[in-house]
Amino acid sequence: MDEDGIYKRIGEFVVCFQFVENKLREIGQYILDPQRKIWPPKALRKESSDHLADNVAKLYDENLHRCSLPAVYELELRTEFRDLITRFHALRKARNRFLHSAYVELKARGEIQALLV
């Protein structure tokens, strides 16, 4: 068993999640201030990932009409963004499970044989 590899993968997952979370925050900040008049952006900086996703989804939904897209494209984009937010919430829950779970190492002969979550 490669417990270091397992912990490394958890760390990689967390870093990737933070990257996606930051991109979501940037989308929300861009919707709120497309001209970047306030720098650095202060909006959405202290939101939990749960509230961030919901707030950005709401901002997206409320402001997409400003792009003046044909209705069929607007509907498609709304649906795709909602799907992305749903997938983000699933990743958020997985991340929380990984980070907030108790790991028990089963050892035999001084070596780790298994990890229990």
C-alpha atoms as a PDB file:
ATOM      1  CA  MET A   1       0.000   0.000   0.000  1.00  0.00           C
ATOM      2  CA  ASP A   2       1.280   3.421  -0.965  1.00  0.00           C
ATOM      3  CA  GLU A   3      -0.243   5.690   1.680  1.00  0.00           C
ATOM      4  CA  ASP A   4       1.947   8.612   0.582  1.00  0.00           C
ATOM      5  CA  GLY A   5       0.497   8.244  -2.910  1.00  0.00           C
ATOM      6  CA  ILE A   6      -3.035   8.289  -1.505  1.00  0.00           C
ATOM      7  CA  TYR A   7      -2.387  11.464   0.489  1.00  0.00           C
ATOM      8  CA  LYS A   8      -0.688  13.008  -2.557  1.00  0.00           C
ATOM      9  CA  ARG A   9      -3.762  12.307  -4.697  1.00  0.00           C
ATOM     10  CA  ILE A  10      -6.030  13.863  -2.068  1.00  0.00           C
ATOM     11  CA  GLY A  11      -3.804  16.953  -2.098  1.00  0.00           C
ATOM     12  CA  GLU A  12      -3.907  17.114  -5.890  1.00  0.00           C
ATOM     13  CA  PHE A  13      -7.684  16.855  -5.823  1.00  0.00           C
ATOM     14  CA  VAL A  14      -7.907  19.708  -3.315  1.00  0.00           C
ATOM     15  CA  VAL A  15      -5.599  21.947  -5.373  1.00  0.00           C
ATOM     16  CA  CYS A  16      -7.595  21.241  -8.555  1.00  0.00           C
ATOM     17  CA  PHE A  17     -10.842  21.941  -6.707  1.00  0.00           C
ATOM     18  CA  GLN A  18      -9.472  25.278  -5.486  1.00  0.00           C
ATOM     19  CA  PHE A  19      -8.535  26.168  -9.068  1.00  0.00           C
ATOM     20  CA  VAL A  20     -12.089  25.465 -10.279  1.00  0.00           C
ATOM     21  CA  GLU A  21     -13.554  27.315  -7.291  1.00  0.00           C
ATOM     22  CA  ASN A  22     -11.415  30.351  -8.131  1.00  0.00           C
ATOM     23  CA  LYS A  23     -12.563  30.284 -11.770  1.00  0.00           C
ATOM     24  CA  LEU A  24     -16.168  30.250 -10.561  1.00  0.00           C
ATOM     25  CA  ARG A  25     -15.391  33.231  -8.314  1.00  0.00           C
ATOM     26  CA  GLU A  26     -13.834  35.056 -11.289  1.00  0.00           C
ATOM     27  CA  ILE A  27     -16.974  34.454 -13.375  1.00  0.00           C
ATOM     28  CA  GLY A  28     -19.100  35.990 -10.625  1.00  0.00           C
ATOM     29  CA  GLN A  29     -16.748  38.931 -10.207  1.00  0.00           C
ATOM     30  CA  TYR A  30     -16.748  39.550 -13.943  1.00  0.00           C
ATOM     31  CA  ILE A  31     -20.563  39.554 -14.004  1.00  0.00           C
ATOM     32  CA  LEU A  32     -20.630  42.064 -11.136  1.00  0.00           C
ATOM     33  CA  ASP A  33     -17.896  44.316 -12.522  1.00  0.00           C
ATOM     34  CA  PRO A  34     -17.146  43.621 -16.201  1.00  0.00           C
ATOM     35  CA  GLN A  35     -15.074  46.805 -16.540  1.00  0.00           C
ATOM     36  CA  ARG A  36     -12.914  45.857 -13.520  1.00  0.00           C
ATOM     37  CA  LYS A  37     -13.493  49.293 -11.986  1.00  0.00           C
ATOM     38  CA  ILE A  38     -12.767  47.934  -8.502  1.00  0.00           C
ATOM     39  CA  TRP A  39      -9.392  46.231  -8.265  1.00  0.00           C
ATOM     40  CA  PRO A  40      -8.729  43.885  -6.666  1.00  0.00           C
ATOM     41  CA  PRO A  41     -12.299  42.600  -6.692  1.00  0.00           C
ATOM     42  CA  LYS A  42     -13.761  42.280  -3.237  1.00  0.00           C
ATOM     43  CA  ALA A  43     -17.084  40.672  -4.131  1.00  0.00           C
ATOM     44  CA  LEU A  44     -17.459  36.946  -3.491  1.00  0.00           C
ATOM     45  CA  ARG A  45     -14.035  36.676  -1.810  1.00  0.00           C
ATOM     46  CA  LYS A  46     -15.280  35.380   1.530  1.00  0.00           C
ATOM     47  CA  GLU A  47     -18.055  33.120   0.302  1.00  0.00           C
ATOM     48  CA  SER A  48     -17.970  29.441   1.172  1.00  0.00           C
ATOM     49  CA  SER A  49     -17.801  27.241  -1.917  1.00  0.00           C
ATOM     50  CA  ASP A  50     -21.430  26.220  -1.368  1.00  0.00           C
ATOM     51  CA  HIS A  51     -22.733  29.805  -1.275  1.00  0.00           C
ATOM     52  CA  LEU A  52     -20.308  30.903  -3.972  1.00  0.00           C
ATOM     53  CA  ALA A  53     -21.681  28.377  -6.468  1.00  0.00           C
ATOM     54  CA  ASP A  54     -25.287  29.275  -5.721  1.00  0.00           C
ATOM     55  CA  ASN A  55     -24.639  33.022  -5.854  1.00  0.00           C
ATOM     56  CA  VAL A  56     -22.710  32.842  -9.130  1.00  0.00           C
ATOM     57  CA  ALA A  57     -25.433  30.644 -10.632  1.00  0.00           C
ATOM     58  CA  LYS A  58     -28.009  33.260  -9.629  1.00  0.00           C
ATOM     59  CA  LEU A  59     -25.896  36.115 -11.050  1.00  0.00           C
ATOM     60  CA  TYR A  60     -25.423  34.187 -14.295  1.00  0.00           C
ATOM     61  CA  ASP A  61     -29.128  33.450 -14.557  1.00  0.00           C
ATOM     62  CA  GLU A  62     -30.125  37.059 -13.839  1.00  0.00           C
ATOM     63  CA  ASN A  63     -27.632  38.620 -16.257  1.00  0.00           C
ATOM     64  CA  LEU A  64     -27.383  36.295 -19.249  1.00  0.00           C
ATOM     65  CA  HIS A  65     -30.142  38.229 -21.059  1.00  0.00           C
ATOM     66  CA  ARG A  66     -27.749  41.214 -21.243  1.00  0.00           C
ATOM     67  CA  CYS A  67     -25.747  39.320 -23.877  1.00  0.00           C
ATOM     68  CA  SER A  68     -28.720  39.576 -26.290  1.00  0.00           C
ATOM     69  CA  LEU A  69     -28.359  36.009 -27.519  1.00  0.00           C
ATOM     70  CA  PRO A  70     -31.006  34.199 -29.521  1.00  0.00           C
ATOM     71  CA  ALA A  71     -33.431  32.521 -27.115  1.00  0.00           C
ATOM     72  CA  VAL A  72     -32.366  29.018 -28.106  1.00  0.00           C
ATOM     73  CA  TYR A  73     -28.719  29.743 -27.226  1.00  0.00           C
ATOM     74  CA  GLU A  74     -29.655  31.455 -23.993  1.00  0.00           C
ATOM     75  CA  LEU A  75     -31.681  28.432 -22.908  1.00  0.00           C
ATOM     76  CA  GLU A  76     -28.825  26.092 -23.835  1.00  0.00           C
ATOM     77  CA  LEU A  77     -26.281  28.178 -21.907  1.00  0.00           C
ATOM     78  CA  ARG A  78     -28.528  28.367 -18.844  1.00  0.00           C
ATOM     79  CA  THR A  79     -28.938  24.592 -18.874  1.00  0.00           C
ATOM     80  CA  GLU A  80     -25.213  23.961 -19.315  1.00  0.00           C
ATOM     81  CA  PHE A  81     -24.295  26.366 -16.522  1.00  0.00           C
ATOM     82  CA  ARG A  82     -26.815  24.780 -14.146  1.00  0.00           C
ATOM     83  CA  ASP A  83     -25.304  21.386 -14.975  1.00  0.00           C
ATOM     84  CA  LEU A  84     -21.826  22.723 -14.218  1.00  0.00           C
ATOM     85  CA  ILE A  85     -22.996  24.082 -10.871  1.00  0.00           C
ATOM     86  CA  THR A  86     -24.568  20.701 -10.052  1.00  0.00           C
ATOM     87  CA  ARG A  87     -21.281  18.965 -10.885  1.00  0.00           C
ATOM     88  CA  PHE A  88     -19.376  21.548  -8.831  1.00  0.00           C
ATOM     89  CA  HIS A  89     -21.576  20.784  -5.814  1.00  0.00           C
ATOM     90  CA  ALA A  90     -20.860  17.055  -6.260  1.00  0.00           C
ATOM     91  CA  LEU A  91     -17.113  17.779  -6.320  1.00  0.00           C
ATOM     92  CA  ARG A  92     -17.475  20.023  -3.278  1.00  0.00           C
ATOM     93  CA  LYS A  93     -19.182  17.235  -1.348  1.00  0.00           C
ATOM     94  CA  ALA A  94     -16.494  14.746  -2.394  1.00  0.00           C
ATOM     95  CA  ARG A  95     -13.785  17.176  -1.302  1.00  0.00           C
ATOM     96  CA  ASN A  96     -15.457  17.616   2.071  1.00  0.00           C
ATOM     97  CA  ARG A  97     -15.684  13.842   2.503  1.00  0.00           C
ATOM     98  CA  PHE A  98     -11.992  13.440   1.728  1.00  0.00           C
ATOM     99  CA  LEU A  99     -10.859  16.262   3.973  1.00  0.00           C
ATOM    100  CA  HIS A 100     -13.162  15.765   6.922  1.00  0.00           C
ATOM    101  CA  SER A 101     -13.102  11.982   7.133  1.00  0.00           C
ATOM    102  CA  ALA A 102     -11.179  10.097   9.757  1.00  0.00           C
ATOM    103  CA  TYR A 103      -8.523   7.837   8.308  1.00  0.00           C
ATOM    104  CA  VAL A 104      -7.526   4.750  10.260  1.00  0.00           C
ATOM    105  CA  GLU A 105      -4.341   2.967   9.305  1.00  0.00           C
ATOM    106  CA  LEU A 106      -4.288  -0.814   9.659  1.00  0.00           C
ATOM    107  CA  LYS A 107      -0.742  -1.966  10.298  1.00  0.00           C
ATOM    108  CA  ALA A 108       0.834  -5.395  10.263  1.00  0.00           C
ATOM    109  CA  ARG A 109       4.528  -6.074  10.722  1.00  0.00           C
ATOM    110  CA  GLY A 110       5.156  -2.341  10.989  1.00  0.00           C
ATOM    111  CA  GLU A 111       3.692  -1.578   7.573  1.00  0.00           C
ATOM    112  CA  ILE A 112       0.404  -0.006   6.633  1.00  0.00           C
ATOM    113  CA  GLN A 113      -1.812  -2.625   5.032  1.00  0.00           C
ATOM    114  CA  ALA A 114      -4.961  -0.582   4.521  1.00  0.00           C
ATOM    115  CA  LEU A 115      -6.607   2.774   5.106  1.00  0.00           C
ATOM    116  CA  LEU A 116     -10.177   2.910   6.358  1.00  0.00           C
ATOM    117  CA  VAL A 117     -12.318   5.976   5.859  1.00  0.00           C
END
